[in-house]
């Protein structure tokens, strides 16, 4: 198959395609982030990088069998300003639509975040299909709800693997590299609020707050007995998810642990700085969800 991946990032799609057993003749990747491209080249040197999506012309490519992409979501996300199609990043969705029309692939797949129904309906109208809503928590230890628009037929929800944060944690992180470790004191919290673990509807267990500056969401410390919150690009200080080690100490998740939350191979992103690793993992796909969807392709 000839595959065109728009907004390819670090090529999570390529990992999923490989796992799904889809035969690849050519993999064309449209991406502009130099760090993501570096990671892709290190893992898939045969990738054909073709630059910015706005410069990609369907008639300059061979017959495309599968078009995939996760257009930038900053304008759609409930966690953002919700500018929607007025946001130039989210307006790139229409480049996906343009290339869908120009290449006329047999199959397509578009991923995006939860959004207002009115904007979801606009995407559905342009693509001609309704989305499938899947939570990555079914195949990973991360709570990550996403919409998937595709014409691949017969897709069902993946089976729940029952994974928790404790299943992806590295051992002895603080001893090996103290730069990953941020000691905090939650003892007073536990002394005042001794109780059994209380889980949210998303199976997250917020056990305390770290003594750091910033919004409440970045102070939250979670139990390894539950799920991790949805990964973001984690830009800025202390934005990485934090876990409770015991009743006293906590630390942030490592890049390798975030790879595992996205079901990416261990050390796949270990070709750039940790800052860039966190960013591209937050922007990336949960690979095992994409693999699950692509397995429904009839080759």
C-alpha atoms as a PDB file:
ATOM      1  CA  UNK A   1       0.000   0.000   0.000  1.00  0.00           C
ATOM      2  CA  UNK A   2       0.987   3.609  -0.589  1.00  0.00           C
ATOM      3  CA  UNK A   3       0.290   5.584   2.562  1.00  0.00           C
ATOM      4  CA  UNK A   4       0.071   9.344   3.008  1.00  0.00           C
ATOM      5  CA  UNK A   5       0.338  10.576   6.589  1.00  0.00           C
ATOM      6  CA  UNK A   6      -0.505  14.217   7.240  1.00  0.00           C
ATOM      7  CA  UNK A   7       0.694  15.947  10.433  1.00  0.00           C
ATOM      8  CA  UNK A   8       2.822  12.829  10.826  1.00  0.00           C
ATOM      9  CA  UNK A   9       4.638  13.948  13.978  1.00  0.00           C
ATOM     10  CA  UNK A  10       6.995  11.228  15.201  1.00  0.00           C
ATOM     11  CA  UNK A  11       5.209   8.709  12.949  1.00  0.00           C
ATOM     12  CA  UNK A  12       3.030   6.863  15.451  1.00  0.00           C
ATOM     13  CA  UNK A  13       1.015   5.831  12.412  1.00  0.00           C
ATOM     14  CA  UNK A  14       3.991   3.969  11.026  1.00  0.00           C
ATOM     15  CA  UNK A  15       4.402   1.981  14.248  1.00  0.00           C
ATOM     16  CA  UNK A  16       0.704   1.076  14.179  1.00  0.00           C
ATOM     17  CA  UNK A  17       0.814   0.090  10.518  1.00  0.00           C
ATOM     18  CA  UNK A  18       3.760  -2.188  11.191  1.00  0.00           C
ATOM     19  CA  UNK A  19       2.011  -3.797  14.177  1.00  0.00           C
ATOM     20  CA  UNK A  20      -1.208  -4.226  12.201  1.00  0.00           C
ATOM     21  CA  UNK A  21       0.632  -6.131   9.481  1.00  0.00           C
ATOM     22  CA  UNK A  22      -0.288  -3.701   6.722  1.00  0.00           C
ATOM     23  CA  UNK A  23       2.074  -4.048   3.745  1.00  0.00           C
ATOM     24  CA  UNK A  24       3.780  -0.736   2.960  1.00  0.00           C
ATOM     25  CA  UNK A  25       5.220   0.117  -0.453  1.00  0.00           C
ATOM     26  CA  UNK A  26       5.722   3.835   0.220  1.00  0.00           C
ATOM     27  CA  UNK A  27       5.108   5.905   3.337  1.00  0.00           C
ATOM     28  CA  UNK A  28       4.821   9.615   2.583  1.00  0.00           C
ATOM     29  CA  UNK A  29       4.984  11.833   5.679  1.00  0.00           C
ATOM     30  CA  UNK A  30       3.995  15.476   5.819  1.00  0.00           C
ATOM     31  CA  UNK A  31       5.595  17.082   8.883  1.00  0.00           C
ATOM     32  CA  UNK A  32       7.470  20.310   9.658  1.00  0.00           C
ATOM     33  CA  UNK A  33       8.739  19.795  13.221  1.00  0.00           C
ATOM     34  CA  UNK A  34      12.465  19.064  12.958  1.00  0.00           C
ATOM     35  CA  UNK A  35      12.580  17.116  16.220  1.00  0.00           C
ATOM     36  CA  UNK A  36       9.699  14.842  15.266  1.00  0.00           C
ATOM     37  CA  UNK A  37      11.300  14.284  11.857  1.00  0.00           C
ATOM     38  CA  UNK A  38      14.589  13.367  13.541  1.00  0.00           C
ATOM     39  CA  UNK A  39      12.845  10.722  15.666  1.00  0.00           C
ATOM     40  CA  UNK A  40      11.017   9.326  12.634  1.00  0.00           C
ATOM     41  CA  UNK A  41      14.204   9.119  10.560  1.00  0.00           C
ATOM     42  CA  UNK A  42      16.000   7.328  13.394  1.00  0.00           C
ATOM     43  CA  UNK A  43      13.289   4.654  13.565  1.00  0.00           C
ATOM     44  CA  UNK A  44      12.035   4.544   9.967  1.00  0.00           C
ATOM     45  CA  UNK A  45      14.825   5.730   7.653  1.00  0.00           C
ATOM     46  CA  UNK A  46      12.845   4.860   4.505  1.00  0.00           C
ATOM     47  CA  UNK A  47      10.150   7.420   5.301  1.00  0.00           C
ATOM     48  CA  UNK A  48       9.574   9.844   2.438  1.00  0.00           C
ATOM     49  CA  UNK A  49       9.225  13.280   4.051  1.00  0.00           C
ATOM     50  CA  UNK A  50       7.384  15.705   1.793  1.00  0.00           C
ATOM     51  CA  UNK A  51       7.231  18.912   3.817  1.00  0.00           C
ATOM     52  CA  UNK A  52       4.320  21.081   4.914  1.00  0.00           C
ATOM     53  CA  UNK A  53       0.798  19.865   4.281  1.00  0.00           C
ATOM     54  CA  UNK A  54      -0.097  23.104   2.483  1.00  0.00           C
ATOM     55  CA  UNK A  55       2.511  22.293  -0.161  1.00  0.00           C
ATOM     56  CA  UNK A  56       1.472  18.691  -0.758  1.00  0.00           C
ATOM     57  CA  UNK A  57      -0.261  18.152  -4.105  1.00  0.00           C
ATOM     58  CA  UNK A  58      -2.239  15.008  -4.678  1.00  0.00           C
ATOM     59  CA  UNK A  59      -1.413  14.846  -8.400  1.00  0.00           C
ATOM     60  CA  UNK A  60       2.312  14.765  -7.602  1.00  0.00           C
ATOM     61  CA  UNK A  61       1.973  11.532  -5.625  1.00  0.00           C
ATOM     62  CA  UNK A  62       1.405   7.954  -6.779  1.00  0.00           C
ATOM     63  CA  UNK A  63      -1.962   6.345  -6.119  1.00  0.00           C
ATOM     64  CA  UNK A  64      -2.614   6.608  -2.365  1.00  0.00           C
ATOM     65  CA  UNK A  65      -4.344   3.644  -0.720  1.00  0.00           C
ATOM     66  CA  UNK A  66      -4.534   4.962   2.846  1.00  0.00           C
ATOM     67  CA  UNK A  67      -4.676   8.567   4.074  1.00  0.00           C
ATOM     68  CA  UNK A  68      -4.146   9.112   7.802  1.00  0.00           C
ATOM     69  CA  UNK A  69      -3.733  12.128  10.023  1.00  0.00           C
ATOM     70  CA  UNK A  70      -4.438  13.821  13.298  1.00  0.00           C
ATOM     71  CA  UNK A  71      -4.883  17.476  12.440  1.00  0.00           C
ATOM     72  CA  UNK A  72      -3.806  19.997  15.100  1.00  0.00           C
ATOM     73  CA  UNK A  73      -6.397  20.105  17.858  1.00  0.00           C
ATOM     74  CA  UNK A  74      -5.575  23.250  19.833  1.00  0.00           C
ATOM     75  CA  UNK A  75      -8.618  25.105  18.537  1.00  0.00           C
ATOM     76  CA  UNK A  76     -11.010  22.253  19.299  1.00  0.00           C
ATOM     77  CA  UNK A  77      -9.948  20.977  22.704  1.00  0.00           C
ATOM     78  CA  UNK A  78     -12.175  21.574  25.716  1.00  0.00           C
ATOM     79  CA  UNK A  79      -8.923  22.228  27.569  1.00  0.00           C
ATOM     80  CA  UNK A  80      -8.032  25.068  25.203  1.00  0.00           C
ATOM     81  CA  UNK A  81      -9.667  28.313  24.132  1.00  0.00           C
ATOM     82  CA  UNK A  82     -12.045  26.499  21.766  1.00  0.00           C
ATOM     83  CA  UNK A  83     -11.514  28.894  18.868  1.00  0.00           C
ATOM     84  CA  UNK A  84     -12.415  26.013  16.598  1.00  0.00           C
ATOM     85  CA  UNK A  85     -12.184  26.614  12.851  1.00  0.00           C
ATOM     86  CA  UNK A  86     -11.166  30.238  13.428  1.00  0.00           C
ATOM     87  CA  UNK A  87      -7.904  28.935  14.877  1.00  0.00           C
ATOM     88  CA  UNK A  88      -5.399  28.613  11.978  1.00  0.00           C
ATOM     89  CA  UNK A  89      -4.026  25.377  13.477  1.00  0.00           C
ATOM     90  CA  UNK A  90      -7.388  23.650  13.505  1.00  0.00           C
ATOM     91  CA  UNK A  91      -8.206  25.103  10.091  1.00  0.00           C
ATOM     92  CA  UNK A  92      -5.518  22.729   8.794  1.00  0.00           C
ATOM     93  CA  UNK A  93      -8.260  20.115   8.961  1.00  0.00           C
ATOM     94  CA  UNK A  94      -9.365  21.450   5.583  1.00  0.00           C
ATOM     95  CA  UNK A  95      -5.986  20.463   4.135  1.00  0.00           C
ATOM     96  CA  UNK A  96      -6.881  16.901   5.097  1.00  0.00           C
ATOM     97  CA  UNK A  97     -10.201  17.343   3.295  1.00  0.00           C
ATOM     98  CA  UNK A  98      -8.456  18.779   0.241  1.00  0.00           C
ATOM     99  CA  UNK A  99      -5.996  15.907  -0.006  1.00  0.00           C
ATOM    100  CA  UNK A 100      -8.750  13.368   0.618  1.00  0.00           C
ATOM    101  CA  UNK A 101     -10.468  14.728  -2.493  1.00  0.00           C
ATOM    102  CA  UNK A 102      -7.253  14.952  -4.514  1.00  0.00           C
ATOM    103  CA  UNK A 103      -5.879  11.491  -3.711  1.00  0.00           C
ATOM    104  CA  UNK A 104      -9.148   9.534  -3.434  1.00  0.00           C
ATOM    105  CA  UNK A 105      -7.693   6.791  -1.210  1.00  0.00           C
ATOM    106  CA  UNK A 106      -9.477   3.515  -0.597  1.00  0.00           C
ATOM    107  CA  UNK A 107      -9.289   4.138   3.149  1.00  0.00           C
ATOM    108  CA  UNK A 108      -8.833   7.165   5.395  1.00  0.00           C
ATOM    109  CA  UNK A 109      -8.497   7.821   9.110  1.00  0.00           C
ATOM    110  CA  UNK A 110      -8.627  11.138  10.954  1.00  0.00           C
ATOM    111  CA  UNK A 111      -8.118  11.509  14.717  1.00  0.00           C
ATOM    112  CA  UNK A 112      -9.066  14.463  16.892  1.00  0.00           C
ATOM    113  CA  UNK A 113     -10.042  15.459  20.414  1.00  0.00           C
ATOM    114  CA  UNK A 114     -13.427  15.702  22.078  1.00  0.00           C
ATOM    115  CA  UNK A 115     -15.137  18.902  20.958  1.00  0.00           C
ATOM    116  CA  UNK A 116     -18.487  20.634  20.805  1.00  0.00           C
ATOM    117  CA  UNK A 117     -21.074  18.665  18.866  1.00  0.00           C
ATOM    118  CA  UNK A 118     -21.534  21.453  16.336  1.00  0.00           C
ATOM    119  CA  UNK A 119     -17.878  21.278  15.312  1.00  0.00           C
ATOM    120  CA  UNK A 120     -17.839  17.506  15.378  1.00  0.00           C
ATOM    121  CA  UNK A 121     -20.755  17.608  12.932  1.00  0.00           C
ATOM    122  CA  UNK A 122     -18.852  19.907  10.557  1.00  0.00           C
ATOM    123  CA  UNK A 123     -15.992  17.421  10.382  1.00  0.00           C
ATOM    124  CA  UNK A 124     -18.442  14.544   9.879  1.00  0.00           C
ATOM    125  CA  UNK A 125     -20.181  16.409   7.055  1.00  0.00           C
ATOM    126  CA  UNK A 126     -16.920  17.014   5.206  1.00  0.00           C
ATOM    127  CA  UNK A 127     -15.690  13.444   5.636  1.00  0.00           C
ATOM    128  CA  UNK A 128     -19.024  11.738   5.090  1.00  0.00           C
ATOM    129  CA  UNK A 129     -18.788   9.508   8.176  1.00  0.00           C
ATOM    130  CA  UNK A 130     -19.601   9.747  11.867  1.00  0.00           C
ATOM    131  CA  UNK A 131     -16.719   9.362  14.333  1.00  0.00           C
ATOM    132  CA  UNK A 132     -16.001   6.450  16.622  1.00  0.00           C
ATOM    133  CA  UNK A 133     -15.194   7.491  20.187  1.00  0.00           C
ATOM    134  CA  UNK A 134     -12.492   5.378  21.850  1.00  0.00           C
ATOM    135  CA  UNK A 135     -10.737   5.905  25.170  1.00  0.00           C
ATOM    136  CA  UNK A 136      -7.068   4.918  25.150  1.00  0.00           C
ATOM    137  CA  UNK A 137      -7.605   3.627  28.685  1.00  0.00           C
ATOM    138  CA  UNK A 138      -8.849   0.395  27.120  1.00  0.00           C
ATOM    139  CA  UNK A 139      -5.375  -0.456  25.809  1.00  0.00           C
ATOM    140  CA  UNK A 140      -3.086   1.643  27.996  1.00  0.00           C
ATOM    141  CA  UNK A 141      -2.753   3.121  31.473  1.00  0.00           C
ATOM    142  CA  UNK A 142      -3.778   6.569  30.229  1.00  0.00           C
ATOM    143  CA  UNK A 143      -7.201   8.204  30.178  1.00  0.00           C
ATOM    144  CA  UNK A 144      -7.338   9.699  26.678  1.00  0.00           C
ATOM    145  CA  UNK A 145     -10.672  10.074  24.877  1.00  0.00           C
ATOM    146  CA  UNK A 146     -10.417  10.667  21.141  1.00  0.00           C
ATOM    147  CA  UNK A 147     -12.663  10.697  18.073  1.00  0.00           C
ATOM    148  CA  UNK A 148     -11.750   8.679  14.975  1.00  0.00           C
ATOM    149  CA  UNK A 149     -13.345   9.356  11.597  1.00  0.00           C
ATOM    150  CA  UNK A 150     -12.761   6.516   9.137  1.00  0.00           C
ATOM    151  CA  UNK A 151     -14.338   4.593   6.282  1.00  0.00           C
ATOM    152  CA  UNK A 152     -12.658   1.375   7.406  1.00  0.00           C
ATOM    153  CA  UNK A 153     -15.695  -0.854   8.022  1.00  0.00           C
ATOM    154  CA  UNK A 154     -16.792  -2.893  11.016  1.00  0.00           C
ATOM    155  CA  UNK A 155     -14.683  -1.334  13.771  1.00  0.00           C
ATOM    156  CA  UNK A 156     -15.613  -2.301  17.311  1.00  0.00           C
ATOM    157  CA  UNK A 157     -14.302  -1.122  20.670  1.00  0.00           C
ATOM    158  CA  UNK A 158     -11.014  -2.776  21.674  1.00  0.00           C
ATOM    159  CA  UNK A 159     -11.011  -5.116  24.631  1.00  0.00           C
ATOM    160  CA  UNK A 160     -10.010  -3.622  27.980  1.00  0.00           C
ATOM    161  CA  UNK A 161      -6.505  -4.742  28.928  1.00  0.00           C
ATOM    162  CA  UNK A 162      -6.952  -3.478  32.483  1.00  0.00           C
ATOM    163  CA  UNK A 163      -3.626  -1.609  32.555  1.00  0.00           C
ATOM    164  CA  UNK A 164      -2.818   0.771  35.412  1.00  0.00           C
ATOM    165  CA  UNK A 165      -0.076   3.316  36.034  1.00  0.00           C
ATOM    166  CA  UNK A 166       1.861   0.824  38.143  1.00  0.00           C
ATOM    167  CA  UNK A 167       2.187  -1.393  35.063  1.00  0.00           C
ATOM    168  CA  UNK A 168       4.292   1.162  33.152  1.00  0.00           C
ATOM    169  CA  UNK A 169       6.533   2.571  35.875  1.00  0.00           C
ATOM    170  CA  UNK A 170      10.315   2.358  35.768  1.00  0.00           C
ATOM    171  CA  UNK A 171      12.068   1.021  38.812  1.00  0.00           C
ATOM    172  CA  UNK A 172      14.677   2.985  40.752  1.00  0.00           C
ATOM    173  CA  UNK A 173      14.352   6.133  38.681  1.00  0.00           C
ATOM    174  CA  UNK A 174      15.463   8.490  41.453  1.00  0.00           C
ATOM    175  CA  UNK A 175      18.599   6.441  42.120  1.00  0.00           C
ATOM    176  CA  UNK A 176      19.568   6.364  38.471  1.00  0.00           C
ATOM    177  CA  UNK A 177      18.889   9.952  37.452  1.00  0.00           C
ATOM    178  CA  UNK A 178      17.925  12.545  40.025  1.00  0.00           C
ATOM    179  CA  UNK A 179      16.980  15.015  37.280  1.00  0.00           C
ATOM    180  CA  UNK A 180      13.788  12.969  36.846  1.00  0.00           C
ATOM    181  CA  UNK A 181      12.958  13.112  40.508  1.00  0.00           C
ATOM    182  CA  UNK A 182      11.167  15.883  42.376  1.00  0.00           C
ATOM    183  CA  UNK A 183      10.764  15.107  46.046  1.00  0.00           C
ATOM    184  CA  UNK A 184       7.664  16.439  47.718  1.00  0.00           C
ATOM    185  CA  UNK A 185       6.012  15.967  51.083  1.00  0.00           C
ATOM    186  CA  UNK A 186       2.461  14.678  51.079  1.00  0.00           C
ATOM    187  CA  UNK A 187       2.656  13.324  54.617  1.00  0.00           C
ATOM    188  CA  UNK A 188       0.421  15.985  56.121  1.00  0.00           C
ATOM    189  CA  UNK A 189      -2.214  15.260  53.504  1.00  0.00           C
ATOM    190  CA  UNK A 190      -2.306  11.569  54.341  1.00  0.00           C
ATOM    191  CA  UNK A 191      -2.335  12.189  58.081  1.00  0.00           C
ATOM    192  CA  UNK A 192      -5.347  14.479  57.745  1.00  0.00           C
ATOM    193  CA  UNK A 193      -7.203  12.527  55.101  1.00  0.00           C
ATOM    194  CA  UNK A 194      -6.596   8.865  55.797  1.00  0.00           C
ATOM    195  CA  UNK A 195      -9.093   6.960  53.674  1.00  0.00           C
ATOM    196  CA  UNK A 196      -9.305   4.293  51.029  1.00  0.00           C
ATOM    197  CA  UNK A 197      -8.354   5.328  47.513  1.00  0.00           C
ATOM    198  CA  UNK A 198     -11.189   7.125  45.736  1.00  0.00           C
ATOM    199  CA  UNK A 199     -11.292   6.780  41.955  1.00  0.00           C
ATOM    200  CA  UNK A 200     -12.962   9.123  39.487  1.00  0.00           C
ATOM    201  CA  UNK A 201     -15.279   7.871  36.754  1.00  0.00           C
ATOM    202  CA  UNK A 202     -12.220   7.807  34.490  1.00  0.00           C
ATOM    203  CA  UNK A 203     -10.386   5.577  36.990  1.00  0.00           C
ATOM    204  CA  UNK A 204      -7.952   8.313  38.017  1.00  0.00           C
ATOM    205  CA  UNK A 205      -7.045   8.485  41.693  1.00  0.00           C
ATOM    206  CA  UNK A 206      -5.990  11.950  42.860  1.00  0.00           C
ATOM    207  CA  UNK A 207      -4.192  11.388  46.171  1.00  0.00           C
ATOM    208  CA  UNK A 208      -2.777  14.828  46.939  1.00  0.00           C
ATOM    209  CA  UNK A 209      -1.264  18.036  45.622  1.00  0.00           C
ATOM    210  CA  UNK A 210       2.404  18.851  45.175  1.00  0.00           C
ATOM    211  CA  UNK A 211       3.801  21.975  46.781  1.00  0.00           C
ATOM    212  CA  UNK A 212       4.605  23.805  43.535  1.00  0.00           C
ATOM    213  CA  UNK A 213       3.429  26.980  41.828  1.00  0.00           C
ATOM    214  CA  UNK A 214       0.952  26.896  38.976  1.00  0.00           C
ATOM    215  CA  UNK A 215      -2.582  25.859  38.080  1.00  0.00           C
ATOM    216  CA  UNK A 216      -4.298  23.228  40.190  1.00  0.00           C
ATOM    217  CA  UNK A 217      -4.169  20.686  37.364  1.00  0.00           C
ATOM    218  CA  UNK A 218      -0.362  20.542  37.380  1.00  0.00           C
ATOM    219  CA  UNK A 219      -0.216  20.131  41.170  1.00  0.00           C
ATOM    220  CA  UNK A 220      -2.230  16.912  41.224  1.00  0.00           C
ATOM    221  CA  UNK A 221      -0.478  13.738  42.265  1.00  0.00           C
ATOM    222  CA  UNK A 222      -1.991  10.409  41.213  1.00  0.00           C
ATOM    223  CA  UNK A 223      -1.923   6.902  42.621  1.00  0.00           C
ATOM    224  CA  UNK A 224      -0.207   4.169  40.567  1.00  0.00           C
ATOM    225  CA  UNK A 225      -3.298   2.068  41.316  1.00  0.00           C
ATOM    226  CA  UNK A 226      -5.298   4.109  38.809  1.00  0.00           C
ATOM    227  CA  UNK A 227      -4.919   5.598  35.334  1.00  0.00           C
ATOM    228  CA  UNK A 228      -2.697   8.489  34.287  1.00  0.00           C
ATOM    229  CA  UNK A 229      -4.364  11.701  33.119  1.00  0.00           C
ATOM    230  CA  UNK A 230      -4.323  12.507  29.414  1.00  0.00           C
ATOM    231  CA  UNK A 231      -0.820  13.435  28.278  1.00  0.00           C
ATOM    232  CA  UNK A 232      -0.360  16.954  26.933  1.00  0.00           C
ATOM    233  CA  UNK A 233       2.643  18.610  25.297  1.00  0.00           C
ATOM    234  CA  UNK A 234       3.780  19.336  28.873  1.00  0.00           C
ATOM    235  CA  UNK A 235       5.492  22.611  27.984  1.00  0.00           C
ATOM    236  CA  UNK A 236       6.725  24.672  30.911  1.00  0.00           C
ATOM    237  CA  UNK A 237       7.754  23.748  34.418  1.00  0.00           C
ATOM    238  CA  UNK A 238       6.221  20.828  36.313  1.00  0.00           C
ATOM    239  CA  UNK A 239       3.546  20.026  33.710  1.00  0.00           C
ATOM    240  CA  UNK A 240       4.419  16.356  33.481  1.00  0.00           C
ATOM    241  CA  UNK A 241       1.902  14.078  35.283  1.00  0.00           C
ATOM    242  CA  UNK A 242       2.950  13.257  38.838  1.00  0.00           C
ATOM    243  CA  UNK A 243       2.655   9.999  40.708  1.00  0.00           C
ATOM    244  CA  UNK A 244       2.737   9.052  44.364  1.00  0.00           C
ATOM    245  CA  UNK A 245       5.563   6.691  45.274  1.00  0.00           C
ATOM    246  CA  UNK A 246       4.530   6.216  48.893  1.00  0.00           C
ATOM    247  CA  UNK A 247       2.759   8.259  51.531  1.00  0.00           C
ATOM    248  CA  UNK A 248       5.552  10.824  51.563  1.00  0.00           C
ATOM    249  CA  UNK A 249       7.201  11.269  48.175  1.00  0.00           C
ATOM    250  CA  UNK A 250       6.177  11.831  44.612  1.00  0.00           C
ATOM    251  CA  UNK A 251       7.836  12.289  41.235  1.00  0.00           C
ATOM    252  CA  UNK A 252       6.973  13.189  37.674  1.00  0.00           C
ATOM    253  CA  UNK A 253       6.556  10.588  34.953  1.00  0.00           C
ATOM    254  CA  UNK A 254       9.665   9.926  32.870  1.00  0.00           C
ATOM    255  CA  UNK A 255       9.729  10.127  29.055  1.00  0.00           C
ATOM    256  CA  UNK A 256       9.948   6.331  28.870  1.00  0.00           C
ATOM    257  CA  UNK A 257       6.856   5.993  31.054  1.00  0.00           C
ATOM    258  CA  UNK A 258       5.042   8.439  28.772  1.00  0.00           C
ATOM    259  CA  UNK A 259       6.087   6.303  25.797  1.00  0.00           C
ATOM    260  CA  UNK A 260       4.469   3.336  27.509  1.00  0.00           C
ATOM    261  CA  UNK A 261       1.303   5.357  28.154  1.00  0.00           C
ATOM    262  CA  UNK A 262       1.119   6.009  24.414  1.00  0.00           C
ATOM    263  CA  UNK A 263       2.022   2.339  23.715  1.00  0.00           C
ATOM    264  CA  UNK A 264       5.136   3.487  21.857  1.00  0.00           C
ATOM    265  CA  UNK A 265       8.220   1.217  21.950  1.00  0.00           C
ATOM    266  CA  UNK A 266      10.592   1.897  24.834  1.00  0.00           C
ATOM    267  CA  UNK A 267      13.132   4.629  23.977  1.00  0.00           C
ATOM    268  CA  UNK A 268      11.556   5.258  20.565  1.00  0.00           C
ATOM    269  CA  UNK A 269      11.891   9.017  21.166  1.00  0.00           C
ATOM    270  CA  UNK A 270      15.353   8.816  22.746  1.00  0.00           C
ATOM    271  CA  UNK A 271      16.967  10.878  19.984  1.00  0.00           C
ATOM    272  CA  UNK A 272      16.056  14.374  21.188  1.00  0.00           C
ATOM    273  CA  UNK A 273      15.880  16.290  24.474  1.00  0.00           C
ATOM    274  CA  UNK A 274      13.428  15.261  27.185  1.00  0.00           C
ATOM    275  CA  UNK A 275      11.498  18.490  26.575  1.00  0.00           C
ATOM    276  CA  UNK A 276      10.946  17.512  22.954  1.00  0.00           C
ATOM    277  CA  UNK A 277      10.178  13.908  23.904  1.00  0.00           C
ATOM    278  CA  UNK A 278       7.412  14.996  26.264  1.00  0.00           C
ATOM    279  CA  UNK A 279       6.030  17.398  23.639  1.00  0.00           C
ATOM    280  CA  UNK A 280       5.820  14.904  20.790  1.00  0.00           C
ATOM    281  CA  UNK A 281       4.404  12.180  23.022  1.00  0.00           C
ATOM    282  CA  UNK A 282       1.666  14.561  24.147  1.00  0.00           C
ATOM    283  CA  UNK A 283       0.928  15.381  20.511  1.00  0.00           C
ATOM    284  CA  UNK A 284       1.096  11.760  19.409  1.00  0.00           C
ATOM    285  CA  UNK A 285      -1.344   8.913  19.046  1.00  0.00           C
ATOM    286  CA  UNK A 286      -1.941   5.955  21.309  1.00  0.00           C
ATOM    287  CA  UNK A 287      -0.396   3.486  18.893  1.00  0.00           C
ATOM    288  CA  UNK A 288      -2.364   0.419  19.958  1.00  0.00           C
ATOM    289  CA  UNK A 289      -5.666   2.199  19.227  1.00  0.00           C
ATOM    290  CA  UNK A 290      -4.519   3.004  15.685  1.00  0.00           C
ATOM    291  CA  UNK A 291      -3.288  -0.574  15.273  1.00  0.00           C
ATOM    292  CA  UNK A 292      -6.697  -1.841  16.404  1.00  0.00           C
ATOM    293  CA  UNK A 293      -8.471   0.282  13.790  1.00  0.00           C
ATOM    294  CA  UNK A 294      -6.085  -0.581  10.942  1.00  0.00           C
ATOM    295  CA  UNK A 295      -6.475  -4.313  11.554  1.00  0.00           C
ATOM    296  CA  UNK A 296      -9.984  -3.985  10.072  1.00  0.00           C
ATOM    297  CA  UNK A 297      -8.475  -3.103   6.682  1.00  0.00           C
ATOM    298  CA  UNK A 298      -9.009  -5.773   4.063  1.00  0.00           C
ATOM    299  CA  UNK A 299      -5.807  -5.965   2.048  1.00  0.00           C
END
